[in-house]
Protein backbone atom coordinates (compact mmCIF):
# COMPACT_ATOMS: atom_id res chain seq x y z
CA UNK A 1 124.67 11.38 -1.44
CA UNK A 2 124.24 14.10 1.20
CA UNK A 3 127.38 15.86 2.38
CA UNK A 4 129.06 13.98 5.24
CA UNK A 5 130.21 15.77 8.37
CA UNK A 6 133.90 16.73 8.30
CA UNK A 7 136.48 15.42 10.77
CA UNK A 8 137.79 17.72 13.51
CA UNK A 9 140.53 16.94 16.03
CA UNK A 10 138.30 18.12 18.91
CA UNK A 11 136.39 14.82 18.64
CA UNK A 12 139.26 13.10 20.50
CA UNK A 13 140.51 15.84 22.81
CA UNK A 14 141.19 14.45 26.31
CA UNK A 15 140.87 16.37 29.56
CA UNK A 16 143.72 16.69 32.06
CA UNK A 17 142.08 14.11 34.37
CA UNK A 18 141.66 11.67 31.47
CA UNK A 19 145.32 12.06 30.53
CA UNK A 20 146.36 11.31 34.11
CA UNK A 21 144.18 8.19 34.20
CA UNK A 22 145.67 7.11 30.87
CA UNK A 23 149.16 7.22 32.40
CA UNK A 24 147.95 4.89 35.18
CA UNK A 25 146.38 2.58 32.60
CA UNK A 26 149.65 2.44 30.63
CA UNK A 27 151.54 1.37 33.74
CA UNK A 28 148.95 -1.37 34.39
CA UNK A 29 149.33 -2.55 30.78
CA UNK A 30 153.11 -2.85 31.11
CA UNK A 31 152.72 -4.73 34.42
CA UNK A 32 150.19 -7.10 32.85
CA UNK A 33 152.34 -7.84 29.79
CA UNK A 34 155.39 -8.46 31.97
CA UNK A 35 153.40 -11.11 33.90
CA UNK A 36 151.36 -12.34 30.93
CA UNK A 37 153.38 -15.50 30.24
CA UNK A 38 152.57 -16.71 33.77
CA UNK A 39 148.97 -15.47 33.58
CA UNK A 40 148.31 -17.42 30.37
CA UNK A 41 150.83 -20.22 31.00
CA UNK A 42 152.62 -19.73 27.68
CA UNK A 43 156.38 -19.34 26.94
CA UNK A 44 156.10 -15.74 25.68
CA UNK A 45 154.53 -12.42 26.64
CA UNK A 46 151.07 -11.75 25.24
CA UNK A 47 148.92 -8.78 24.38
CA UNK A 48 146.75 -7.45 27.20
CA UNK A 49 143.63 -7.74 25.04
CA UNK A 50 142.89 -10.26 22.28
CA UNK A 51 145.76 -12.31 23.65
CA UNK A 52 144.88 -15.56 21.89
CA UNK A 53 145.77 -15.87 18.22
CA UNK A 54 143.66 -18.37 16.30
CA UNK A 55 145.18 -17.68 12.90
CA UNK A 56 147.26 -15.24 10.86
CA UNK A 57 146.44 -15.08 7.17
CA UNK A 58 147.47 -13.31 3.99
CA UNK A 59 144.93 -11.99 1.53
CA UNK A 60 143.66 -9.11 -0.58
CA UNK A 61 141.39 -6.11 -0.14
CA UNK A 62 139.74 -5.66 -3.54
CA UNK A 63 138.26 -2.22 -4.20
CA UNK A 64 134.71 -2.26 -5.56
CA UNK A 65 133.68 -0.67 -8.82
CA UNK A 66 130.89 1.07 -6.87
CA UNK A 67 133.34 2.93 -4.61
CA UNK A 68 131.89 6.39 -3.86
CA UNK A 69 133.56 9.20 -5.80
CA UNK A 70 134.64 10.86 -2.52
CA UNK A 71 136.87 7.83 -1.71
CA UNK A 72 138.43 7.15 -5.10
CA UNK A 73 141.41 9.42 -4.45
CA UNK A 74 142.18 7.49 -1.24
CA UNK A 75 141.74 3.90 -2.43
CA UNK A 76 143.07 4.46 -5.93
CA UNK A 77 144.28 0.91 -6.68
CA UNK A 78 142.26 -2.11 -7.75
CA UNK A 79 143.49 -4.18 -4.79
CA UNK A 80 145.80 -4.14 -1.77
CA UNK A 81 147.69 -6.88 0.05
CA UNK A 82 146.47 -7.50 3.59
CA UNK A 83 147.42 -9.47 6.70
CA UNK A 84 144.57 -10.72 8.91
CA UNK A 85 144.72 -11.86 12.55
CA UNK A 86 141.82 -13.86 14.01
CA UNK A 87 141.77 -13.68 17.81
CA UNK A 88 139.82 -13.98 21.04
CA UNK A 89 139.11 -10.80 23.01
CA UNK A 90 139.99 -12.20 26.44
CA UNK A 91 143.10 -10.85 28.18
CA UNK A 92 144.10 -14.36 29.19
CA UNK A 93 144.74 -17.25 26.82
CA UNK A 94 142.43 -20.15 27.57
CA UNK A 95 144.48 -23.32 27.07
CA UNK A 96 141.61 -25.69 27.75
CA UNK A 97 137.84 -25.71 27.49
CA UNK A 98 135.66 -23.50 25.34
CA UNK A 99 136.50 -19.85 24.62
CA UNK A 100 133.98 -17.08 25.06
CA UNK A 101 132.79 -16.23 21.50
CA UNK A 102 134.18 -12.68 21.54
CA UNK A 103 136.30 -12.61 18.40
CA UNK A 104 138.59 -10.20 16.62
CA UNK A 105 139.22 -9.84 12.88
CA UNK A 106 142.15 -7.40 12.59
CA UNK A 107 143.19 -6.23 9.13
CA UNK A 108 146.51 -4.67 8.10
CA UNK A 109 146.38 -3.05 4.63
CA UNK A 110 149.72 -2.61 2.84
CA UNK A 111 151.06 -0.82 -0.21
CA UNK A 112 153.28 -2.27 -2.95
CA UNK A 113 156.39 -1.62 -0.83
CA UNK A 114 154.90 -3.66 2.05
CA UNK A 115 154.35 -0.53 4.15
CA UNK A 116 151.26 -0.34 6.34
CA UNK A 117 148.56 1.96 5.02
CA UNK A 118 145.92 1.19 7.64
CA UNK A 119 145.16 -1.10 10.57
CA UNK A 120 141.53 -1.98 11.33
CA UNK A 121 140.96 -4.11 14.47
CA UNK A 122 137.35 -5.27 14.00
CA UNK A 123 135.21 -7.25 16.47
CA UNK A 124 132.07 -9.37 16.24
CA UNK A 125 129.97 -7.16 18.54
CA UNK A 126 128.93 -3.80 17.03
CA UNK A 127 128.62 -1.65 20.18
CA UNK A 128 130.78 -0.72 23.15
CA UNK A 129 129.11 -0.37 26.57
CA UNK A 130 131.22 2.53 27.91
CA UNK A 131 131.05 6.11 26.63
CA UNK A 132 132.94 7.73 29.52
CA UNK A 133 136.72 7.82 29.11
CA UNK A 134 137.12 8.11 32.89
CA UNK A 135 134.99 5.03 33.61
CA UNK A 136 136.71 3.02 30.89
CA UNK A 137 140.22 3.84 32.08
CA UNK A 138 139.39 3.08 35.70
CA UNK A 139 137.85 -0.27 34.72
CA UNK A 140 140.63 -1.20 32.31
CA UNK A 141 143.31 -0.37 34.90
CA UNK A 142 141.68 -2.41 37.66
CA UNK A 143 141.15 -5.39 35.32
CA UNK A 144 144.86 -5.41 34.45
CA UNK A 145 145.79 -5.18 38.13
CA UNK A 146 143.31 -7.91 39.06
CA UNK A 147 144.98 -10.36 36.69
CA UNK A 148 148.40 -9.46 38.09
CA UNK A 149 147.52 -9.41 41.82
CA UNK A 150 144.15 -11.22 41.95
CA UNK A 151 142.40 -10.91 45.33
CA UNK A 152 143.94 -7.51 46.13
CA UNK A 153 141.83 -6.00 43.36
CA UNK A 154 138.68 -8.14 43.47
CA UNK A 155 136.57 -5.58 45.37
CA UNK A 156 137.75 -2.60 43.23
CA UNK A 157 136.92 -4.65 40.12
CA UNK A 158 133.41 -5.46 41.35
CA UNK A 159 132.91 -1.80 42.25
CA UNK A 160 133.85 -0.64 38.74
CA UNK A 161 131.66 -3.29 37.11
CA UNK A 162 128.72 -2.14 39.25
CA UNK A 163 129.00 1.39 37.84
CA UNK A 164 128.51 -0.01 34.31
CA UNK A 165 125.07 -1.56 34.96
CA UNK A 166 123.09 1.45 33.60
CA UNK A 167 125.08 1.30 30.34
CA UNK A 168 124.41 -2.42 29.95
CA UNK A 169 120.66 -1.99 30.46
CA UNK A 170 120.32 0.39 27.52
CA UNK A 171 117.76 -1.29 25.24
CA UNK A 172 119.59 -0.99 21.87
CA UNK A 173 122.64 -2.50 23.54
CA UNK A 174 120.56 -5.33 25.07
CA UNK A 175 119.11 -6.20 21.64
CA UNK A 176 122.62 -6.85 20.36
CA UNK A 177 123.45 -8.85 23.49
CA UNK A 178 120.44 -11.13 22.96
CA UNK A 179 121.35 -11.59 19.28
CA UNK A 180 124.94 -12.33 20.26
CA UNK A 181 123.86 -14.98 22.79
CA UNK A 182 121.58 -16.58 20.21
CA UNK A 183 124.50 -16.86 17.75
CA UNK A 184 127.23 -17.68 20.27
CA UNK A 185 127.98 -21.11 18.78
CA UNK A 186 128.34 -19.86 15.20
CA UNK A 187 131.57 -20.34 13.28
CA UNK A 188 134.06 -17.51 13.80
CA UNK A 189 134.19 -16.62 10.09
CA UNK A 190 130.39 -16.40 9.77
CA UNK A 191 130.03 -13.33 12.03
CA UNK A 192 129.80 -9.74 10.85
CA UNK A 193 132.76 -7.72 12.15
CA UNK A 194 132.58 -4.06 13.16
CA UNK A 195 134.87 -1.15 13.86
CA UNK A 196 132.72 -0.21 16.91
CA UNK A 197 134.35 3.22 16.94
CA UNK A 198 134.75 5.74 14.14
CA UNK A 199 137.52 6.13 11.53
CA UNK A 200 138.58 8.85 9.15
CA UNK A 201 138.52 8.28 5.44
CA UNK A 202 139.99 11.51 4.19
CA UNK A 203 137.95 14.41 5.54
CA UNK A 204 134.99 12.16 6.34
CA UNK A 205 134.16 9.93 9.30
CA UNK A 206 132.81 6.39 8.97
CA UNK A 207 132.02 3.17 10.76
CA UNK A 208 133.19 -0.04 9.08
CA UNK A 209 131.45 -3.40 8.75
CA UNK A 210 132.72 -6.65 7.27
CA UNK A 211 130.02 -9.18 6.19
CA UNK A 212 131.10 -12.71 5.16
CA UNK A 213 129.69 -14.19 1.97
CA UNK A 214 130.62 -17.88 2.01
CA UNK A 215 131.20 -19.11 5.60
CA UNK A 216 128.40 -21.26 7.02
CA UNK A 217 127.27 -20.58 10.59
CA UNK A 218 127.40 -24.28 11.53
CA UNK A 219 130.87 -25.00 10.11
CA UNK A 220 133.27 -26.62 12.58
CA UNK A 221 130.60 -27.32 15.18
CA UNK A 222 132.38 -30.20 16.87
CA UNK A 223 135.97 -28.93 16.85
CA UNK A 224 137.89 -26.07 18.47
CA UNK A 225 137.82 -22.62 16.91
CA UNK A 226 141.43 -22.93 15.74
CA UNK A 227 140.82 -26.38 14.22
CA UNK A 228 137.66 -25.11 12.53
CA UNK A 229 139.61 -22.30 10.86
CA UNK A 230 142.30 -24.71 9.69
CA UNK A 231 139.68 -27.11 8.33
CA UNK A 232 137.87 -24.29 6.53
CA UNK A 233 140.96 -23.06 4.69
CA UNK A 234 141.94 -26.58 3.63
CA UNK A 235 138.81 -26.72 1.51
CA UNK A 236 137.55 -23.18 1.02
CA UNK A 237 138.53 -19.63 0.26
CA UNK A 238 136.93 -16.77 2.22
CA UNK A 239 135.12 -13.74 0.86
CA UNK A 240 133.58 -10.85 2.75
CA UNK A 241 131.98 -7.59 1.68
CA UNK A 242 133.33 -4.38 3.26
CA UNK A 243 130.86 -1.60 4.01
CA UNK A 244 131.09 1.89 5.49
CA UNK A 245 128.52 4.17 7.10
CA UNK A 246 129.13 7.92 6.80
CA UNK A 247 128.63 10.39 9.63
CA UNK A 248 126.27 13.17 8.48
CA UNK A 249 125.23 14.65 11.82
CA UNK A 250 126.11 13.95 15.45
CA UNK A 251 122.50 13.43 16.51
CA UNK A 252 121.98 10.39 14.29
CA UNK A 253 125.61 9.27 14.02
CA UNK A 254 127.36 10.24 17.30
CA UNK A 255 131.14 9.90 17.35
CA UNK A 256 131.63 9.53 21.11
CA UNK A 257 128.49 7.57 22.05
CA UNK A 258 129.54 3.99 21.38
CA UNK A 259 126.60 2.05 22.87
CA UNK A 260 124.20 3.29 20.20
CA UNK A 261 123.72 2.18 16.58
CA UNK A 262 124.02 4.83 13.90
CA UNK A 263 120.73 5.56 12.14
CA UNK A 264 119.78 7.31 8.89
CA UNK A 265 123.09 6.33 7.33
CA UNK A 266 123.01 3.40 4.92
CA UNK A 267 125.86 0.91 4.59
CA UNK A 268 127.77 1.50 1.34
CA UNK A 269 129.90 -1.29 -0.11
CA UNK A 270 133.47 -0.22 -0.87
CA UNK A 271 135.12 -3.56 -1.64
CA UNK A 272 135.78 -7.17 -0.64
CA UNK A 273 138.19 -9.08 1.58
CA UNK A 274 139.50 -12.26 -0.10
CA UNK A 275 141.53 -14.99 1.62
CA UNK A 276 142.61 -17.98 -0.50
CA UNK A 277 142.81 -21.61 0.58
CA UNK A 278 146.56 -21.24 1.12
CA UNK A 279 146.12 -18.07 3.21
CA UNK A 280 147.13 -19.52 6.60
CA UNK A 281 150.50 -18.46 8.05
CA UNK A 282 152.16 -19.85 11.17
CA UNK A 283 150.49 -18.01 14.10
CA UNK A 284 153.29 -19.07 16.49
CA UNK A 285 156.02 -17.50 14.37
CA UNK A 286 157.63 -14.71 16.40
CA UNK A 287 157.09 -12.13 13.66
CA UNK A 288 153.41 -12.97 13.40
CA UNK A 289 152.89 -12.98 17.17
CA UNK A 290 154.54 -9.56 17.40
CA UNK A 291 152.36 -8.05 14.67
CA UNK A 292 150.80 -4.78 15.76
CA UNK A 293 147.37 -3.69 14.57
CA UNK A 294 147.48 -0.28 16.24
CA UNK A 295 144.97 1.77 14.19
CA UNK A 296 147.11 4.85 14.80
CA UNK A 297 149.96 3.23 12.85
CA UNK A 298 148.01 4.16 9.74
CA UNK A 299 148.05 7.01 7.26
CA UNK A 300 146.77 10.11 9.08
CA UNK A 301 143.67 10.30 6.87
CA UNK A 302 142.70 6.71 7.84
CA UNK A 303 143.17 6.91 11.61
CA UNK A 304 140.52 6.49 14.35
CA UNK A 305 138.29 9.27 15.60
CA UNK A 306 136.89 9.73 19.11
CA UNK A 307 137.97 9.88 22.74
CA UNK A 308 137.77 6.15 23.51
CA UNK A 309 139.59 5.45 20.26
CA UNK A 310 142.34 7.93 21.18
CA UNK A 311 143.25 5.76 24.17
CA UNK A 312 144.25 2.93 21.83
CA UNK A 313 147.33 4.71 20.52
CA UNK A 314 149.27 4.80 23.78
CA UNK A 315 147.85 1.47 24.98
CA UNK A 316 148.94 -0.39 21.83
CA UNK A 317 152.39 1.20 21.95
CA UNK A 318 153.03 0.21 25.58
CA UNK A 319 151.78 -3.32 24.98
CA UNK A 320 153.92 -3.78 21.85
CA UNK A 321 157.07 -2.25 23.34
CA UNK A 322 156.84 -4.47 26.43
CA UNK A 323 156.13 -7.61 24.40
CA UNK A 324 158.99 -6.91 22.03
CA UNK A 325 161.45 -6.32 24.85
CA UNK A 326 160.58 -9.53 26.69
CA UNK A 327 160.02 -11.80 23.70
CA UNK A 328 163.29 -10.74 22.07
CA UNK A 329 165.16 -11.61 25.26
CA UNK A 330 163.39 -14.97 25.32
CA UNK A 331 164.31 -15.52 21.67
CA UNK A 332 160.72 -16.66 21.24
CA UNK A 333 160.09 -18.52 17.98
């Protein structure tokens, strides 16, 4: 194995302007969460992304015998307990009709004392269309404000979306879009799930991919996503391989260019995710709804890398703090 590129904190260094825009985005997040129960017509405050919980499950992350030598000191146990949240990416909970098939598979890895080692919020689309922190923050802020105040922010929203057209027309990105559309009706557990951004594993930087082994694409065709998941775990367990790609050079594996696949870096299997038939927990339980999968609430050597990723830390914290404050007052159960 060639020597991977080492992590450096400069990969996620924000400019003064970006920090100012982040403060505006944080305020829009708090405003959204405060209004989220009315926005989604539910009796509790929701997240401002991946608001809809399909399922919360318990399981295991089993370390593979083929784990690269460089990672053995980090994942030094045979297996770890995990909590998984299956979700929809939309900011608003859809209480009727069909959801857009943009799914999340968030994993919380714990030690023997039930302390969080790492959070990995994975999604079923491998690329992200925005590389500019400034463009992303402006869009994210106006989306939050649009949901809170609607027509007042319709034109600003359309204006920000217009600026993204060149990013969306990038051919490698379009290939994934066409593949995604072709597979849009597939069962939620049959998709590959991706980290999109980059994560540290020790001194190295990787992308993560989860590939299911035993979930059929056509399972649960005639039922809702939530019902399909419940039906699956009544009769089946779930297994998925976990792979990483190492960053060797920024030309082939760029850290801050998220709308491009990494090349010349093979996927290396490091273990498996296993969820038993009895894995389902109550997704409406207050503790489960308040679960945080902030990837920065991880061991330092397992945290995200990159400028877009850096935004998640403050965004997750504001969202969680606001949800906790409101939902505790509501005594949500």
